[in-house]
Amino acid sequence: MRRLRFRLAISRAQLLQYYQGRTAALSVVTEQGVRLQVALHHFRSFVGHDGLNGRFEIELNGEQQLQRLDRLA
């Protein structure tokens, strides 16, 4: 298992554009310098009134598939 951390700060207005079908995944650069594409639906439970904000940790298996996504702060 591989764990990577990254920060997101996406406003509510920006998220609405994503959810209107213009984007299916978010591209993030982790604190370790790795670029990942993560399907937007994985973040739904973390969206608040102000958008999607915080520091996240993603856990990937040996095939680089998402196993877990948590908000740290």
PDB file of N, CA and C in Angstrom:
ATOM      1  N   MET A   1       0.837  -1.184   0.000  1.00  0.00           N
ATOM      2  CA  MET A   1       0.000   0.000   0.000  1.00  0.00           C
ATOM      3  C   MET A   1       0.884   1.251   0.000  1.00  0.00           C
ATOM      4  N   ARG A   2       0.425   2.228  -0.724  1.00  0.00           N
ATOM      5  CA  ARG A   2       1.145   3.496  -0.829  1.00  0.00           C
ATOM      6  C   ARG A   2       0.216   4.609  -0.367  1.00  0.00           C
ATOM      7  N   ARG A   3       0.724   5.481   0.516  1.00  0.00           N
ATOM      8  CA  ARG A   3      -0.068   6.607   1.019  1.00  0.00           C
ATOM      9  C   ARG A   3       0.555   7.915   0.549  1.00  0.00           C
ATOM     10  N   LEU A   4      -0.290   8.779   0.012  1.00  0.00           N
ATOM     11  CA  LEU A   4       0.145  10.077  -0.494  1.00  0.00           C
ATOM     12  C   LEU A   4      -0.782  11.153   0.062  1.00  0.00           C
ATOM     13  N   ARG A   5      -0.224  12.339   0.290  1.00  0.00           N
ATOM     14  CA  ARG A   5      -1.021  13.447   0.853  1.00  0.00           C
ATOM     15  C   ARG A   5      -1.014  14.632  -0.098  1.00  0.00           C
ATOM     16  N   PHE A   6      -2.145  15.371  -0.084  1.00  0.00           N
ATOM     17  CA  PHE A   6      -2.279  16.554  -0.933  1.00  0.00           C
ATOM     18  C   PHE A   6      -3.316  17.494  -0.338  1.00  0.00           C
ATOM     19  N   ARG A   7      -3.280  18.734  -0.777  1.00  0.00           N
ATOM     20  CA  ARG A   7      -4.238  19.752  -0.331  1.00  0.00           C
ATOM     21  C   ARG A   7      -5.138  20.147  -1.497  1.00  0.00           C
ATOM     22  N   LEU A   8      -6.388  20.471  -1.151  1.00  0.00           N
ATOM     23  CA  LEU A   8      -7.338  20.970  -2.142  1.00  0.00           C
ATOM     24  C   LEU A   8      -8.022  22.213  -1.597  1.00  0.00           C
ATOM     25  N   ALA A   9      -8.264  23.161  -2.467  1.00  0.00           N
ATOM     26  CA  ALA A   9      -9.040  24.359  -2.149  1.00  0.00           C
ATOM     27  C   ALA A   9      -9.830  24.704  -3.406  1.00  0.00           C
ATOM     28  N   ILE A  10     -11.035  24.169  -3.491  1.00  0.00           N
ATOM     29  CA  ILE A  10     -11.882  24.351  -4.672  1.00  0.00           C
ATOM     30  C   ILE A  10     -13.180  25.001  -4.212  1.00  0.00           C
ATOM     31  N   SER A  11     -13.508  26.134  -4.781  1.00  0.00           N
ATOM     32  CA  SER A  11     -14.715  26.864  -4.383  1.00  0.00           C
ATOM     33  C   SER A  11     -15.977  26.117  -4.813  1.00  0.00           C
ATOM     34  N   ARG A  12     -17.075  26.504  -4.211  1.00  0.00           N
ATOM     35  CA  ARG A  12     -18.367  25.911  -4.553  1.00  0.00           C
ATOM     36  C   ARG A  12     -18.700  26.142  -6.037  1.00  0.00           C
ATOM     37  N   ALA A  13     -18.404  27.339  -6.542  1.00  0.00           N
ATOM     38  CA  ALA A  13     -18.679  27.661  -7.945  1.00  0.00           C
ATOM     39  C   ALA A  13     -17.860  26.773  -8.884  1.00  0.00           C
ATOM     40  N   GLN A  14     -16.604  26.551  -8.547  1.00  0.00           N
ATOM     41  CA  GLN A  14     -15.771  25.674  -9.372  1.00  0.00           C
ATOM     42  C   GLN A  14     -16.301  24.245  -9.351  1.00  0.00           C
ATOM     43  N   LEU A  15     -16.727  23.785  -8.180  1.00  0.00           N
ATOM     44  CA  LEU A  15     -17.256  22.425  -8.077  1.00  0.00           C
ATOM     45  C   LEU A  15     -18.523  22.246  -8.906  1.00  0.00           C
ATOM     46  N   LEU A  16     -19.351  23.265  -8.949  1.00  0.00           N
ATOM     47  CA  LEU A  16     -20.577  23.170  -9.755  1.00  0.00           C
ATOM     48  C   LEU A  16     -20.236  22.925 -11.218  1.00  0.00           C
ATOM     49  N   GLN A  17     -19.179  23.553 -11.710  1.00  0.00           N
ATOM     50  CA  GLN A  17     -18.752  23.315 -13.092  1.00  0.00           C
ATOM     51  C   GLN A  17     -18.310  21.867 -13.277  1.00  0.00           C
ATOM     52  N   TYR A  18     -17.593  21.336 -12.297  1.00  0.00           N
ATOM     53  CA  TYR A  18     -17.160  19.939 -12.374  1.00  0.00           C
ATOM     54  C   TYR A  18     -18.369  19.007 -12.405  1.00  0.00           C
ATOM     55  N   TYR A  19     -19.327  19.258 -11.515  1.00  0.00           N
ATOM     56  CA  TYR A  19     -20.479  18.368 -11.417  1.00  0.00           C
ATOM     57  C   TYR A  19     -21.439  18.501 -12.592  1.00  0.00           C
ATOM     58  N   GLN A  20     -21.315  19.562 -13.361  1.00  0.00           N
ATOM     59  CA  GLN A  20     -22.154  19.718 -14.548  1.00  0.00           C
ATOM     60  C   GLN A  20     -21.623  18.897 -15.716  1.00  0.00           C
ATOM     61  N   GLY A  21     -20.640  18.057 -15.438  1.00  0.00           N
ATOM     62  CA  GLY A  21     -20.171  17.128 -16.453  1.00  0.00           C
ATOM     63  C   GLY A  21     -18.968  17.565 -17.242  1.00  0.00           C
ATOM     64  N   ARG A  22     -18.406  18.695 -16.902  1.00  0.00           N
ATOM     65  CA  ARG A  22     -17.248  19.175 -17.657  1.00  0.00           C
ATOM     66  C   ARG A  22     -15.971  18.438 -17.272  1.00  0.00           C
ATOM     67  N   THR A  23     -15.936  17.891 -16.079  1.00  0.00           N
ATOM     68  CA  THR A  23     -14.743  17.195 -15.599  1.00  0.00           C
ATOM     69  C   THR A  23     -15.153  15.966 -14.815  1.00  0.00           C
ATOM     70  N   ALA A  24     -14.541  14.839 -15.075  1.00  0.00           N
ATOM     71  CA  ALA A  24     -14.856  13.600 -14.365  1.00  0.00           C
ATOM     72  C   ALA A  24     -13.841  13.292 -13.274  1.00  0.00           C
ATOM     73  N   ALA A  25     -12.662  13.954 -13.339  1.00  0.00           N
ATOM     74  CA  ALA A  25     -11.610  13.661 -12.362  1.00  0.00           C
ATOM     75  C   ALA A  25     -10.852  14.935 -12.015  1.00  0.00           C
ATOM     76  N   LEU A  26     -10.281  14.928 -10.827  1.00  0.00           N
ATOM     77  CA  LEU A  26      -9.413  16.009 -10.400  1.00  0.00           C
ATOM     78  C   LEU A  26      -7.971  15.564 -10.570  1.00  0.00           C
ATOM     79  N   SER A  27      -7.144  16.462 -11.033  1.00  0.00           N
ATOM     80  CA  SER A  27      -5.712  16.198 -11.137  1.00  0.00           C
ATOM     81  C   SER A  27      -5.054  16.910  -9.967  1.00  0.00           C
ATOM     82  N   VAL A  28      -4.331  16.154  -9.149  1.00  0.00           N
ATOM     83  CA  VAL A  28      -3.671  16.735  -7.978  1.00  0.00           C
ATOM     84  C   VAL A  28      -2.195  16.372  -8.009  1.00  0.00           C
ATOM     85  N   VAL A  29      -1.389  17.231  -7.403  1.00  0.00           N
ATOM     86  CA  VAL A  29       0.025  16.936  -7.205  1.00  0.00           C
ATOM     87  C   VAL A  29       0.204  16.747  -5.706  1.00  0.00           C
ATOM     88  N   THR A  30       0.688  15.590  -5.328  1.00  0.00           N
ATOM     89  CA  THR A  30       0.834  15.261  -3.912  1.00  0.00           C
ATOM     90  C   THR A  30       2.042  15.985  -3.318  1.00  0.00           C
ATOM     91  N   GLU A  31       2.109  15.973  -1.994  1.00  0.00           N
ATOM     92  CA  GLU A  31       3.253  16.552  -1.295  1.00  0.00           C
ATOM     93  C   GLU A  31       4.546  15.830  -1.652  1.00  0.00           C
ATOM     94  N   GLN A  32       4.432  14.614  -2.145  1.00  0.00           N
ATOM     95  CA  GLN A  32       5.584  13.821  -2.547  1.00  0.00           C
ATOM     96  C   GLN A  32       5.983  14.093  -4.004  1.00  0.00           C
ATOM     97  N   GLY A  33       5.244  14.967  -4.690  1.00  0.00           N
ATOM     98  CA  GLY A  33       5.558  15.327  -6.068  1.00  0.00           C
ATOM     99  C   GLY A  33       4.961  14.414  -7.119  1.00  0.00           C
ATOM    100  N   VAL A  34       4.030  13.569  -6.738  1.00  0.00           N
ATOM    101  CA  VAL A  34       3.385  12.638  -7.666  1.00  0.00           C
ATOM    102  C   VAL A  34       2.087  13.259  -8.182  1.00  0.00           C
ATOM    103  N   ARG A  35       1.869  13.219  -9.492  1.00  0.00           N
ATOM    104  CA  ARG A  35       0.613  13.707 -10.073  1.00  0.00           C
ATOM    105  C   ARG A  35      -0.368  12.545 -10.168  1.00  0.00           C
ATOM    106  N   LEU A  36      -1.578  12.775  -9.638  1.00  0.00           N
ATOM    107  CA  LEU A  36      -2.634  11.760  -9.650  1.00  0.00           C
ATOM    108  C   LEU A  36      -3.892  12.322 -10.278  1.00  0.00           C
ATOM    109  N   GLN A  37      -4.663  11.460 -10.892  1.00  0.00           N
ATOM    110  CA  GLN A  37      -6.013  11.808 -11.312  1.00  0.00           C
ATOM    111  C   GLN A  37      -6.957  10.978 -10.466  1.00  0.00           C
ATOM    112  N   VAL A  38      -7.853  11.668  -9.770  1.00  0.00           N
ATOM    113  CA  VAL A  38      -8.781  10.991  -8.869  1.00  0.00           C
ATOM    114  C   VAL A  38     -10.203  11.326  -9.317  1.00  0.00           C
ATOM    115  N   ALA A  39     -11.007  10.298  -9.518  1.00  0.00           N
ATOM    116  CA  ALA A  39     -12.394  10.503  -9.951  1.00  0.00           C
ATOM    117  C   ALA A  39     -13.122  11.409  -8.964  1.00  0.00           C
ATOM    118  N   LEU A  40     -13.832  12.360  -9.487  1.00  0.00           N
ATOM    119  CA  LEU A  40     -14.505  13.371  -8.677  1.00  0.00           C
ATOM    120  C   LEU A  40     -15.497  12.772  -7.691  1.00  0.00           C
ATOM    121  N   HIS A  41     -16.137  11.674  -8.024  1.00  0.00           N
ATOM    122  CA  HIS A  41     -17.155  11.114  -7.133  1.00  0.00           C
ATOM    123  C   HIS A  41     -16.570  10.652  -5.797  1.00  0.00           C
ATOM    124  N   HIS A  42     -15.261  10.404  -5.721  1.00  0.00           N
ATOM    125  CA  HIS A  42     -14.644   9.998  -4.462  1.00  0.00           C
ATOM    126  C   HIS A  42     -14.658  11.124  -3.420  1.00  0.00           C
ATOM    127  N   PHE A  43     -14.814  12.367  -3.866  1.00  0.00           N
ATOM    128  CA  PHE A  43     -14.760  13.520  -2.968  1.00  0.00           C
ATOM    129  C   PHE A  43     -16.137  13.990  -2.490  1.00  0.00           C
ATOM    130  N   ARG A  44     -17.204  13.411  -2.957  1.00  0.00           N
ATOM    131  CA  ARG A  44     -18.557  13.908  -2.644  1.00  0.00           C
ATOM    132  C   ARG A  44     -18.825  14.048  -1.149  1.00  0.00           C
ATOM    133  N   SER A  45     -18.378  13.110  -0.357  1.00  0.00           N
ATOM    134  CA  SER A  45     -18.664  13.170   1.080  1.00  0.00           C
ATOM    135  C   SER A  45     -17.873  14.267   1.793  1.00  0.00           C
ATOM    136  N   PHE A  46     -16.912  14.876   1.121  1.00  0.00           N
ATOM    137  CA  PHE A  46     -16.086  15.928   1.728  1.00  0.00           C
ATOM    138  C   PHE A  46     -16.503  17.334   1.308  1.00  0.00           C
ATOM    139  N   VAL A  47     -17.485  17.453   0.430  1.00  0.00           N
ATOM    140  CA  VAL A  47     -17.913  18.756  -0.078  1.00  0.00           C
ATOM    141  C   VAL A  47     -18.791  19.437   0.968  1.00  0.00           C
ATOM    142  N   GLY A  48     -18.447  20.705   1.260  1.00  0.00           N
ATOM    143  CA  GLY A  48     -19.240  21.497   2.201  1.00  0.00           C
ATOM    144  C   GLY A  48     -19.856  22.688   1.494  1.00  0.00           C
ATOM    145  N   HIS A  49     -20.470  23.572   2.268  1.00  0.00           N
ATOM    146  CA  HIS A  49     -21.116  24.756   1.689  1.00  0.00           C
ATOM    147  C   HIS A  49     -20.121  25.674   0.996  1.00  0.00           C
ATOM    148  N   ASP A  50     -18.872  25.669   1.453  1.00  0.00           N
ATOM    149  CA  ASP A  50     -17.856  26.532   0.856  1.00  0.00           C
ATOM    150  C   ASP A  50     -17.042  25.834  -0.230  1.00  0.00           C
ATOM    151  N   GLY A  51     -17.355  24.606  -0.538  1.00  0.00           N
ATOM    152  CA  GLY A  51     -16.645  23.873  -1.585  1.00  0.00           C
ATOM    153  C   GLY A  51     -15.918  22.663  -1.037  1.00  0.00           C
ATOM    154  N   LEU A  52     -14.767  22.409  -1.579  1.00  0.00           N
ATOM    155  CA  LEU A  52     -13.956  21.247  -1.208  1.00  0.00           C
ATOM    156  C   LEU A  52     -12.588  21.750  -0.750  1.00  0.00           C
ATOM    157  N   ASN A  53     -12.352  21.666   0.539  1.00  0.00           N
ATOM    158  CA  ASN A  53     -11.133  22.216   1.116  1.00  0.00           C
ATOM    159  C   ASN A  53     -10.545  21.248   2.120  1.00  0.00           C
ATOM    160  N   GLY A  54      -9.215  21.251   2.212  1.00  0.00           N
ATOM    161  CA  GLY A  54      -8.558  20.470   3.242  1.00  0.00           C
ATOM    162  C   GLY A  54      -7.332  19.739   2.739  1.00  0.00           C
ATOM    163  N   ARG A  55      -6.751  19.027   3.661  1.00  0.00           N
ATOM    164  CA  ARG A  55      -5.594  18.179   3.378  1.00  0.00           C
ATOM    165  C   ARG A  55      -6.092  16.742   3.388  1.00  0.00           C
ATOM    166  N   PHE A  56      -5.707  15.986   2.380  1.00  0.00           N
ATOM    167  CA  PHE A  56      -6.225  14.639   2.190  1.00  0.00           C
ATOM    168  C   PHE A  56      -5.088  13.625   2.120  1.00  0.00           C
ATOM    169  N   GLU A  57      -5.438  12.392   2.473  1.00  0.00           N
ATOM    170  CA  GLU A  57      -4.508  11.271   2.313  1.00  0.00           C
ATOM    171  C   GLU A  57      -5.214  10.211   1.487  1.00  0.00           C
ATOM    172  N   ILE A  58      -4.519   9.745   0.456  1.00  0.00           N
ATOM    173  CA  ILE A  58      -5.061   8.701  -0.405  1.00  0.00           C
ATOM    174  C   ILE A  58      -4.187   7.462  -0.246  1.00  0.00           C
ATOM    175  N   GLU A  59      -4.828   6.327  -0.189  1.00  0.00           N
ATOM    176  CA  GLU A  59      -4.097   5.063  -0.103  1.00  0.00           C
ATOM    177  C   GLU A  59      -4.349   4.290  -1.383  1.00  0.00           C
ATOM    178  N   LEU A  60      -3.259   3.874  -2.036  1.00  0.00           N
ATOM    179  CA  LEU A  60      -3.331   3.131  -3.290  1.00  0.00           C
ATOM    180  C   LEU A  60      -2.804   1.723  -3.083  1.00  0.00           C
ATOM    181  N   ASN A  61      -3.398   0.771  -3.786  1.00  0.00           N
ATOM    182  CA  ASN A  61      -2.888  -0.601  -3.711  1.00  0.00           C
ATOM    183  C   ASN A  61      -1.746  -0.784  -4.710  1.00  0.00           C
ATOM    184  N   GLY A  62      -1.267  -1.995  -4.851  1.00  0.00           N
ATOM    185  CA  GLY A  62      -0.149  -2.296  -5.747  1.00  0.00           C
ATOM    186  C   GLY A  62      -0.422  -2.001  -7.204  1.00  0.00           C
ATOM    187  N   GLU A  63      -1.691  -1.985  -7.605  1.00  0.00           N
ATOM    188  CA  GLU A  63      -2.071  -1.667  -8.984  1.00  0.00           C
ATOM    189  C   GLU A  63      -2.400  -0.190  -9.153  1.00  0.00           C
ATOM    190  N   GLN A  64      -2.056   0.621  -8.135  1.00  0.00           N
ATOM    191  CA  GLN A  64      -2.302   2.070  -8.131  1.00  0.00           C
ATOM    192  C   GLN A  64      -3.794   2.418  -8.135  1.00  0.00           C
ATOM    193  N   GLN A  65      -4.622   1.535  -7.586  1.00  0.00           N
ATOM    194  CA  GLN A  65      -6.056   1.798  -7.473  1.00  0.00           C
ATOM    195  C   GLN A  65      -6.370   2.332  -6.085  1.00  0.00           C
ATOM    196  N   LEU A  66      -7.297   3.256  -6.020  1.00  0.00           N
ATOM    197  CA  LEU A  66      -7.671   3.868  -4.755  1.00  0.00           C
ATOM    198  C   LEU A  66      -8.268   2.842  -3.802  1.00  0.00           C
ATOM    199  N   GLN A  67      -7.741   2.805  -2.606  1.00  0.00           N
ATOM    200  CA  GLN A  67      -8.266   1.923  -1.559  1.00  0.00           C
ATOM    201  C   GLN A  67      -8.986   2.725  -0.481  1.00  0.00           C
ATOM    202  N   ARG A  68      -8.468   3.940  -0.217  1.00  0.00           N
ATOM    203  CA  ARG A  68      -9.045   4.760   0.840  1.00  0.00           C
ATOM    204  C   ARG A  68      -8.713   6.225   0.576  1.00  0.00           C
ATOM    205  N   LEU A  69      -9.633   7.101   0.944  1.00  0.00           N
ATOM    206  CA  LEU A  69      -9.426   8.542   0.844  1.00  0.00           C
ATOM    207  C   LEU A  69      -9.952   9.163   2.126  1.00  0.00           C
ATOM    208  N   ASP A  70      -9.100   9.898   2.836  1.00  0.00           N
ATOM    209  CA  ASP A  70      -9.485  10.528   4.100  1.00  0.00           C
ATOM    210  C   ASP A  70      -9.102  12.000   4.083  1.00  0.00           C
ATOM    211  N   ARG A  71      -9.933  12.828   4.745  1.00  0.00           N
ATOM    212  CA  ARG A  71      -9.548  14.209   4.959  1.00  0.00           C
ATOM    213  C   ARG A  71      -8.808  14.281   6.280  1.00  0.00           C
ATOM    214  N   LEU A  72      -7.632  14.879   6.288  1.00  0.00           N
ATOM    215  CA  LEU A  72      -6.822  14.986   7.485  1.00  0.00           C
ATOM    216  C   LEU A  72      -7.094  16.291   8.234  1.00  0.00           C
ATOM    217  N   ALA A  73      -7.301  17.368   7.520  1.00  0.00           N
ATOM    218  CA  ALA A  73      -7.541  18.671   8.165  1.00  0.00           C
ATOM    219  C   ALA A  73      -8.328  19.568   7.237  1.00  0.00           C
TER     220      ALA A  73
END
